[in-house]
Amino acid sequence: MNIKILGTGCPSCKRLESNVLLALQAMNKEAEVEKVTDIKAIMSYQVMATPALVLDGKVLFAGRVPSVELLKEMLK
């Protein structure tokens, strides 16, 4: 599983990263988690707002920080 967190490093981006790591830990799952901060790379995913979460190349959401519980559902 490859997870990309798209964002420039704002507090919401950091909170998303933390929530993703907590969800993975709670599920006892391992994944490659990558932070993408380069604007051109973020734009290549055609998201209009950050933070955004990309799972195995597919954008799951953008512009919000879901709860750990919701992330656990999304990452099943």
PDB file of N, CA and C in Angstrom:
ATOM      1  N   MET A   1       0.849  -1.168   0.000  1.00  0.00           N
ATOM      2  CA  MET A   1       0.000   0.000   0.000  1.00  0.00           C
ATOM      3  C   MET A   1       0.896   1.233   0.000  1.00  0.00           C
ATOM      4  N   ASN A   2       0.612   2.156  -0.902  1.00  0.00           N
ATOM      5  CA  ASN A   2       1.368   3.402  -1.011  1.00  0.00           C
ATOM      6  C   ASN A   2       0.425   4.562  -0.720  1.00  0.00           C
ATOM      7  N   ILE A   3       0.782   5.358   0.279  1.00  0.00           N
ATOM      8  CA  ILE A   3      -0.034   6.508   0.677  1.00  0.00           C
ATOM      9  C   ILE A   3       0.796   7.760   0.471  1.00  0.00           C
ATOM     10  N   LYS A   4       0.191   8.722  -0.217  1.00  0.00           N
ATOM     11  CA  LYS A   4       0.839  10.020  -0.397  1.00  0.00           C
ATOM     12  C   LYS A   4      -0.023  11.081   0.270  1.00  0.00           C
ATOM     13  N   ILE A   5       0.624  11.938   1.040  1.00  0.00           N
ATOM     14  CA  ILE A   5      -0.044  13.074   1.664  1.00  0.00           C
ATOM     15  C   ILE A   5       0.416  14.301   0.900  1.00  0.00           C
ATOM     16  N   LEU A   6      -0.532  14.948   0.233  1.00  0.00           N
ATOM     17  CA  LEU A   6      -0.214  16.115  -0.580  1.00  0.00           C
ATOM     18  C   LEU A   6      -0.441  17.368   0.245  1.00  0.00           C
ATOM     19  N   GLY A   7       0.565  18.214   0.340  1.00  0.00           N
ATOM     20  CA  GLY A   7       0.429  19.465   1.073  1.00  0.00           C
ATOM     21  C   GLY A   7       1.780  20.127   1.246  1.00  0.00           C
ATOM     22  N   THR A   8       1.736  21.398   1.552  1.00  0.00           N
ATOM     23  CA  THR A   8       2.964  22.185   1.633  1.00  0.00           C
ATOM     24  C   THR A   8       3.573  22.230   3.026  1.00  0.00           C
ATOM     25  N   GLY A   9       2.945  21.553   3.987  1.00  0.00           N
ATOM     26  CA  GLY A   9       3.506  21.529   5.340  1.00  0.00           C
ATOM     27  C   GLY A   9       2.709  22.355   6.334  1.00  0.00           C
ATOM     28  N   CYS A  10       1.506  22.728   5.986  1.00  0.00           N
ATOM     29  CA  CYS A  10       0.648  23.511   6.882  1.00  0.00           C
ATOM     30  C   CYS A  10       0.208  22.632   8.070  1.00  0.00           C
ATOM     31  N   PRO A  11      -0.350  23.227   9.112  1.00  0.00           N
ATOM     32  CA  PRO A  11      -0.808  22.435  10.261  1.00  0.00           C
ATOM     33  C   PRO A  11      -1.814  21.336   9.885  1.00  0.00           C
ATOM     34  N   SER A  12      -2.688  21.598   8.944  1.00  0.00           N
ATOM     35  CA  SER A  12      -3.655  20.576   8.523  1.00  0.00           C
ATOM     36  C   SER A  12      -2.949  19.402   7.854  1.00  0.00           C
ATOM     37  N   CYS A  13      -1.926  19.683   7.076  1.00  0.00           N
ATOM     38  CA  CYS A  13      -1.160  18.628   6.413  1.00  0.00           C
ATOM     39  C   CYS A  13      -0.464  17.757   7.450  1.00  0.00           C
ATOM     40  N   LYS A  14       0.089  18.382   8.467  1.00  0.00           N
ATOM     41  CA  LYS A  14       0.763  17.645   9.529  1.00  0.00           C
ATOM     42  C   LYS A  14      -0.232  16.817  10.330  1.00  0.00           C
ATOM     43  N   ARG A  15      -1.423  17.354  10.559  1.00  0.00           N
ATOM     44  CA  ARG A  15      -2.465  16.627  11.280  1.00  0.00           C
ATOM     45  C   ARG A  15      -2.936  15.416  10.472  1.00  0.00           C
ATOM     46  N   LEU A  16      -3.051  15.581   9.150  1.00  0.00           N
ATOM     47  CA  LEU A  16      -3.429  14.460   8.294  1.00  0.00           C
ATOM     48  C   LEU A  16      -2.375  13.356   8.380  1.00  0.00           C
ATOM     49  N   GLU A  17      -1.118  13.724   8.301  1.00  0.00           N
ATOM     50  CA  GLU A  17      -0.052  12.724   8.396  1.00  0.00           C
ATOM     51  C   GLU A  17      -0.138  11.979   9.726  1.00  0.00           C
ATOM     52  N   SER A  18      -0.331  12.715  10.799  1.00  0.00           N
ATOM     53  CA  SER A  18      -0.440  12.099  12.120  1.00  0.00           C
ATOM     54  C   SER A  18      -1.630  11.146  12.178  1.00  0.00           C
ATOM     55  N   ASN A  19      -2.784  11.572  11.652  1.00  0.00           N
ATOM     56  CA  ASN A  19      -3.974  10.724  11.664  1.00  0.00           C
ATOM     57  C   ASN A  19      -3.780   9.461  10.828  1.00  0.00           C
ATOM     58  N   VAL A  20      -3.113   9.586   9.699  1.00  0.00           N
ATOM     59  CA  VAL A  20      -2.845   8.418   8.844  1.00  0.00           C
ATOM     60  C   VAL A  20      -1.966   7.429   9.601  1.00  0.00           C
ATOM     61  N   LEU A  21      -0.917   7.914  10.244  1.00  0.00           N
ATOM     62  CA  LEU A  21      -0.016   7.034  10.984  1.00  0.00           C
ATOM     63  C   LEU A  21      -0.736   6.371  12.155  1.00  0.00           C
ATOM     64  N   LEU A  22      -1.604   7.121  12.846  1.00  0.00           N
ATOM     65  CA  LEU A  22      -2.381   6.546  13.946  1.00  0.00           C
ATOM     66  C   LEU A  22      -3.343   5.478  13.440  1.00  0.00           C
ATOM     67  N   ALA A  23      -3.983   5.722  12.304  1.00  0.00           N
ATOM     68  CA  ALA A  23      -4.912   4.748  11.731  1.00  0.00           C
ATOM     69  C   ALA A  23      -4.175   3.471  11.343  1.00  0.00           C
ATOM     70  N   LEU A  24      -3.028   3.613  10.707  1.00  0.00           N
ATOM     71  CA  LEU A  24      -2.241   2.441  10.316  1.00  0.00           C
ATOM     72  C   LEU A  24      -1.803   1.650  11.547  1.00  0.00           C
ATOM     73  N   GLN A  25      -1.384   2.359  12.574  1.00  0.00           N
ATOM     74  CA  GLN A  25      -0.941   1.701  13.798  1.00  0.00           C
ATOM     75  C   GLN A  25      -2.112   0.958  14.452  1.00  0.00           C
ATOM     76  N   ALA A  26      -3.280   1.581  14.515  1.00  0.00           N
ATOM     77  CA  ALA A  26      -4.456   0.963  15.125  1.00  0.00           C
ATOM     78  C   ALA A  26      -4.893  -0.284  14.363  1.00  0.00           C
ATOM     79  N   MET A  27      -4.667  -0.279  13.044  1.00  0.00           N
ATOM     80  CA  MET A  27      -5.055  -1.410  12.207  1.00  0.00           C
ATOM     81  C   MET A  27      -3.941  -2.461  12.124  1.00  0.00           C
ATOM     82  N   ASN A  28      -2.798  -2.152  12.718  1.00  0.00           N
ATOM     83  CA  ASN A  28      -1.627  -3.026  12.648  1.00  0.00           C
ATOM     84  C   ASN A  28      -1.238  -3.293  11.194  1.00  0.00           C
ATOM     85  N   LYS A  29      -1.288  -2.229  10.385  1.00  0.00           N
ATOM     86  CA  LYS A  29      -0.942  -2.313   8.963  1.00  0.00           C
ATOM     87  C   LYS A  29       0.314  -1.506   8.696  1.00  0.00           C
ATOM     88  N   GLU A  30       1.049  -1.956   7.692  1.00  0.00           N
ATOM     89  CA  GLU A  30       2.210  -1.198   7.252  1.00  0.00           C
ATOM     90  C   GLU A  30       1.943  -0.649   5.867  1.00  0.00           C
ATOM     91  N   ALA A  31       2.468   0.522   5.620  1.00  0.00           N
ATOM     92  CA  ALA A  31       2.306   1.155   4.308  1.00  0.00           C
ATOM     93  C   ALA A  31       3.469   2.113   4.096  1.00  0.00           C
ATOM     94  N   GLU A  32       3.750   2.361   2.841  1.00  0.00           N
ATOM     95  CA  GLU A  32       4.733   3.379   2.491  1.00  0.00           C
ATOM     96  C   GLU A  32       4.000   4.716   2.508  1.00  0.00           C
ATOM     97  N   VAL A  33       4.385   5.590   3.435  1.00  0.00           N
ATOM     98  CA  VAL A  33       3.743   6.900   3.571  1.00  0.00           C
ATOM     99  C   VAL A  33       4.736   7.955   3.094  1.00  0.00           C
ATOM    100  N   GLU A  34       4.314   8.732   2.119  1.00  0.00           N
ATOM    101  CA  GLU A  34       5.186   9.732   1.506  1.00  0.00           C
ATOM    102  C   GLU A  34       4.515  11.093   1.569  1.00  0.00           C
ATOM    103  N   LYS A  35       5.282  12.103   1.968  1.00  0.00           N
ATOM    104  CA  LYS A  35       4.770  13.470   1.948  1.00  0.00           C
ATOM    105  C   LYS A  35       5.202  14.118   0.641  1.00  0.00           C
ATOM    106  N   VAL A  36       4.240  14.693  -0.067  1.00  0.00           N
ATOM    107  CA  VAL A  36       4.521  15.381  -1.326  1.00  0.00           C
ATOM    108  C   VAL A  36       4.300  16.869  -1.086  1.00  0.00           C
ATOM    109  N   THR A  37       5.384  17.636  -1.128  1.00  0.00           N
ATOM    110  CA  THR A  37       5.285  19.065  -0.843  1.00  0.00           C
ATOM    111  C   THR A  37       5.542  19.940  -2.062  1.00  0.00           C
ATOM    112  N   ASP A  38       6.052  19.341  -3.126  1.00  0.00           N
ATOM    113  CA  ASP A  38       6.343  20.092  -4.345  1.00  0.00           C
ATOM    114  C   ASP A  38       5.034  20.479  -5.040  1.00  0.00           C
ATOM    115  N   ILE A  39       4.849  21.766  -5.288  1.00  0.00           N
ATOM    116  CA  ILE A  39       3.608  22.270  -5.873  1.00  0.00           C
ATOM    117  C   ILE A  39       3.307  21.626  -7.228  1.00  0.00           C
ATOM    118  N   LYS A  40       4.303  21.483  -8.061  1.00  0.00           N
ATOM    119  CA  LYS A  40       4.064  20.871  -9.380  1.00  0.00           C
ATOM    120  C   LYS A  40       3.615  19.422  -9.240  1.00  0.00           C
ATOM    121  N   ALA A  41       4.215  18.699  -8.305  1.00  0.00           N
ATOM    122  CA  ALA A  41       3.817  17.308  -8.074  1.00  0.00           C
ATOM    123  C   ALA A  41       2.392  17.246  -7.530  1.00  0.00           C
ATOM    124  N   ILE A  42       2.040  18.164  -6.634  1.00  0.00           N
ATOM    125  CA  ILE A  42       0.678  18.212  -6.083  1.00  0.00           C
ATOM    126  C   ILE A  42      -0.315  18.513  -7.207  1.00  0.00           C
ATOM    127  N   MET A  43       0.027  19.462  -8.070  1.00  0.00           N
ATOM    128  CA  MET A  43      -0.865  19.849  -9.166  1.00  0.00           C
ATOM    129  C   MET A  43      -1.084  18.694 -10.146  1.00  0.00           C
ATOM    130  N   SER A  44      -0.120  17.798 -10.250  1.00  0.00           N
ATOM    131  CA  SER A  44      -0.262  16.669 -11.172  1.00  0.00           C
ATOM    132  C   SER A  44      -1.411  15.751 -10.777  1.00  0.00           C
ATOM    133  N   TYR A  45      -1.849  15.831  -9.517  1.00  0.00           N
ATOM    134  CA  TYR A  45      -2.986  15.032  -9.055  1.00  0.00           C
ATOM    135  C   TYR A  45      -4.315  15.749  -9.257  1.00  0.00           C
ATOM    136  N   GLN A  46      -4.270  16.968  -9.754  1.00  0.00           N
ATOM    137  CA  GLN A  46      -5.456  17.770 -10.065  1.00  0.00           C
ATOM    138  C   GLN A  46      -6.348  17.995  -8.847  1.00  0.00           C
ATOM    139  N   VAL A  47      -5.745  18.217  -7.696  1.00  0.00           N
ATOM    140  CA  VAL A  47      -6.522  18.558  -6.504  1.00  0.00           C
ATOM    141  C   VAL A  47      -6.622  20.074  -6.399  1.00  0.00           C
ATOM    142  N   MET A  48      -7.748  20.541  -5.922  1.00  0.00           N
ATOM    143  CA  MET A  48      -7.974  21.981  -5.825  1.00  0.00           C
ATOM    144  C   MET A  48      -7.650  22.527  -4.432  1.00  0.00           C
ATOM    145  N   ALA A  49      -7.495  21.632  -3.453  1.00  0.00           N
ATOM    146  CA  ALA A  49      -7.204  22.066  -2.094  1.00  0.00           C
ATOM    147  C   ALA A  49      -6.348  21.015  -1.405  1.00  0.00           C
ATOM    148  N   THR A  50      -5.544  21.484  -0.469  1.00  0.00           N
ATOM    149  CA  THR A  50      -4.747  20.565   0.338  1.00  0.00           C
ATOM    150  C   THR A  50      -5.183  20.720   1.788  1.00  0.00           C
ATOM    151  N   PRO A  51      -4.941  19.747   2.630  1.00  0.00           N
ATOM    152  CA  PRO A  51      -4.230  18.516   2.343  1.00  0.00           C
ATOM    153  C   PRO A  51      -5.087  17.553   1.525  1.00  0.00           C
ATOM    154  N   ALA A  52      -4.412  16.626   0.875  1.00  0.00           N
ATOM    155  CA  ALA A  52      -5.105  15.596   0.105  1.00  0.00           C
ATOM    156  C   ALA A  52      -4.431  14.261   0.394  1.00  0.00           C
ATOM    157  N   LEU A  53      -5.201  13.200   0.227  1.00  0.00           N
ATOM    158  CA  LEU A  53      -4.687  11.863   0.466  1.00  0.00           C
ATOM    159  C   LEU A  53      -4.814  11.040  -0.801  1.00  0.00           C
ATOM    160  N   VAL A  54      -3.694  10.417  -1.190  1.00  0.00           N
ATOM    161  CA  VAL A  54      -3.663   9.569  -2.384  1.00  0.00           C
ATOM    162  C   VAL A  54      -3.320   8.157  -1.930  1.00  0.00           C
ATOM    163  N   LEU A  55      -4.157   7.206  -2.280  1.00  0.00           N
ATOM    164  CA  LEU A  55      -3.937   5.809  -1.929  1.00  0.00           C
ATOM    165  C   LEU A  55      -3.725   5.020  -3.201  1.00  0.00           C
ATOM    166  N   ASP A  56      -2.540   4.453  -3.352  1.00  0.00           N
ATOM    167  CA  ASP A  56      -2.187   3.666  -4.532  1.00  0.00           C
ATOM    168  C   ASP A  56      -2.536   4.386  -5.835  1.00  0.00           C
ATOM    169  N   GLY A  57      -2.207   5.693  -5.887  1.00  0.00           N
ATOM    170  CA  GLY A  57      -2.393   6.477  -7.102  1.00  0.00           C
ATOM    171  C   GLY A  57      -3.755   7.113  -7.269  1.00  0.00           C
ATOM    172  N   LYS A  58      -4.704   6.833  -6.368  1.00  0.00           N
ATOM    173  CA  LYS A  58      -6.064   7.369  -6.478  1.00  0.00           C
ATOM    174  C   LYS A  58      -6.302   8.389  -5.367  1.00  0.00           C
ATOM    175  N   VAL A  59      -6.757   9.594  -5.758  1.00  0.00           N
ATOM    176  CA  VAL A  59      -7.059  10.632  -4.781  1.00  0.00           C
ATOM    177  C   VAL A  59      -8.337  10.239  -4.036  1.00  0.00           C
ATOM    178  N   LEU A  60      -8.224  10.088  -2.703  1.00  0.00           N
ATOM    179  CA  LEU A  60      -9.394   9.733  -1.901  1.00  0.00           C
ATOM    180  C   LEU A  60     -10.169  10.961  -1.434  1.00  0.00           C
ATOM    181  N   PHE A  61      -9.461  12.032  -1.131  1.00  0.00           N
ATOM    182  CA  PHE A  61     -10.116  13.273  -0.731  1.00  0.00           C
ATOM    183  C   PHE A  61      -9.114  14.414  -0.777  1.00  0.00           C
ATOM    184  N   ALA A  62      -9.654  15.622  -0.748  1.00  0.00           N
ATOM    185  CA  ALA A  62      -8.808  16.819  -0.722  1.00  0.00           C
ATOM    186  C   ALA A  62      -9.518  17.916   0.051  1.00  0.00           C
ATOM    187  N   GLY A  63      -8.732  18.744   0.720  1.00  0.00           N
ATOM    188  CA  GLY A  63      -9.264  19.923   1.381  1.00  0.00           C
ATOM    189  C   GLY A  63      -9.811  19.712   2.777  1.00  0.00           C
ATOM    190  N   ARG A  64      -9.543  18.550   3.380  1.00  0.00           N
ATOM    191  CA  ARG A  64     -10.010  18.334   4.742  1.00  0.00           C
ATOM    192  C   ARG A  64      -9.131  17.295   5.425  1.00  0.00           C
ATOM    193  N   VAL A  65      -9.315  17.182   6.735  1.00  0.00           N
ATOM    194  CA  VAL A  65      -8.565  16.200   7.515  1.00  0.00           C
ATOM    195  C   VAL A  65      -9.576  15.251   8.155  1.00  0.00           C
ATOM    196  N   PRO A  66      -9.697  14.057   7.626  1.00  0.00           N
ATOM    197  CA  PRO A  66     -10.643  13.102   8.212  1.00  0.00           C
ATOM    198  C   PRO A  66     -10.141  12.559   9.545  1.00  0.00           C
ATOM    199  N   SER A  67     -11.076  12.074  10.344  1.00  0.00           N
ATOM    200  CA  SER A  67     -10.734  11.502  11.641  1.00  0.00           C
ATOM    201  C   SER A  67      -9.962  10.199  11.452  1.00  0.00           C
ATOM    202  N   VAL A  68      -9.347   9.750  12.520  1.00  0.00           N
ATOM    203  CA  VAL A  68      -8.621   8.484  12.496  1.00  0.00           C
ATOM    204  C   VAL A  68      -9.584   7.351  12.159  1.00  0.00           C
ATOM    205  N   GLU A  69     -10.795   7.395  12.720  1.00  0.00           N
ATOM    206  CA  GLU A  69     -11.785   6.344  12.464  1.00  0.00           C
ATOM    207  C   GLU A  69     -12.174   6.287  10.987  1.00  0.00           C
ATOM    208  N   LEU A  70     -12.393   7.436  10.381  1.00  0.00           N
ATOM    209  CA  LEU A  70     -12.742   7.462   8.956  1.00  0.00           C
ATOM    210  C   LEU A  70     -11.567   6.974   8.105  1.00  0.00           C
ATOM    211  N   LEU A  71     -10.376   7.352   8.484  1.00  0.00           N
ATOM    212  CA  LEU A  71      -9.193   6.889   7.755  1.00  0.00           C
ATOM    213  C   LEU A  71      -9.057   5.374   7.831  1.00  0.00           C
ATOM    214  N   LYS A  72      -9.366   4.791   8.981  1.00  0.00           N
ATOM    215  CA  LYS A  72      -9.300   3.338   9.116  1.00  0.00           C
ATOM    216  C   LYS A  72     -10.266   2.678   8.127  1.00  0.00           C
ATOM    217  N   GLU A  73     -11.439   3.252   7.945  1.00  0.00           N
ATOM    218  CA  GLU A  73     -12.397   2.715   6.971  1.00  0.00           C
ATOM    219  C   GLU A  73     -11.867   2.854   5.544  1.00  0.00           C
ATOM    220  N   MET A  74     -11.256   3.993   5.255  1.00  0.00           N
ATOM    221  CA  MET A  74     -10.758   4.258   3.900  1.00  0.00           C
ATOM    222  C   MET A  74      -9.569   3.373   3.555  1.00  0.00           C
ATOM    223  N   LEU A  75      -8.777   3.001   4.540  1.00  0.00           N
ATOM    224  CA  LEU A  75      -7.539   2.269   4.298  1.00  0.00           C
ATOM    225  C   LEU A  75      -7.696   0.755   4.408  1.00  0.00           C
ATOM    226  N   LYS A  76      -8.892   0.282   4.614  1.00  0.00           N
ATOM    227  CA  LYS A  76      -9.119  -1.171   4.717  1.00  0.00           C
ATOM    228  C   LYS A  76      -8.662  -1.894   3.491  1.00  0.00           C
TER     229      LYS A  76
END
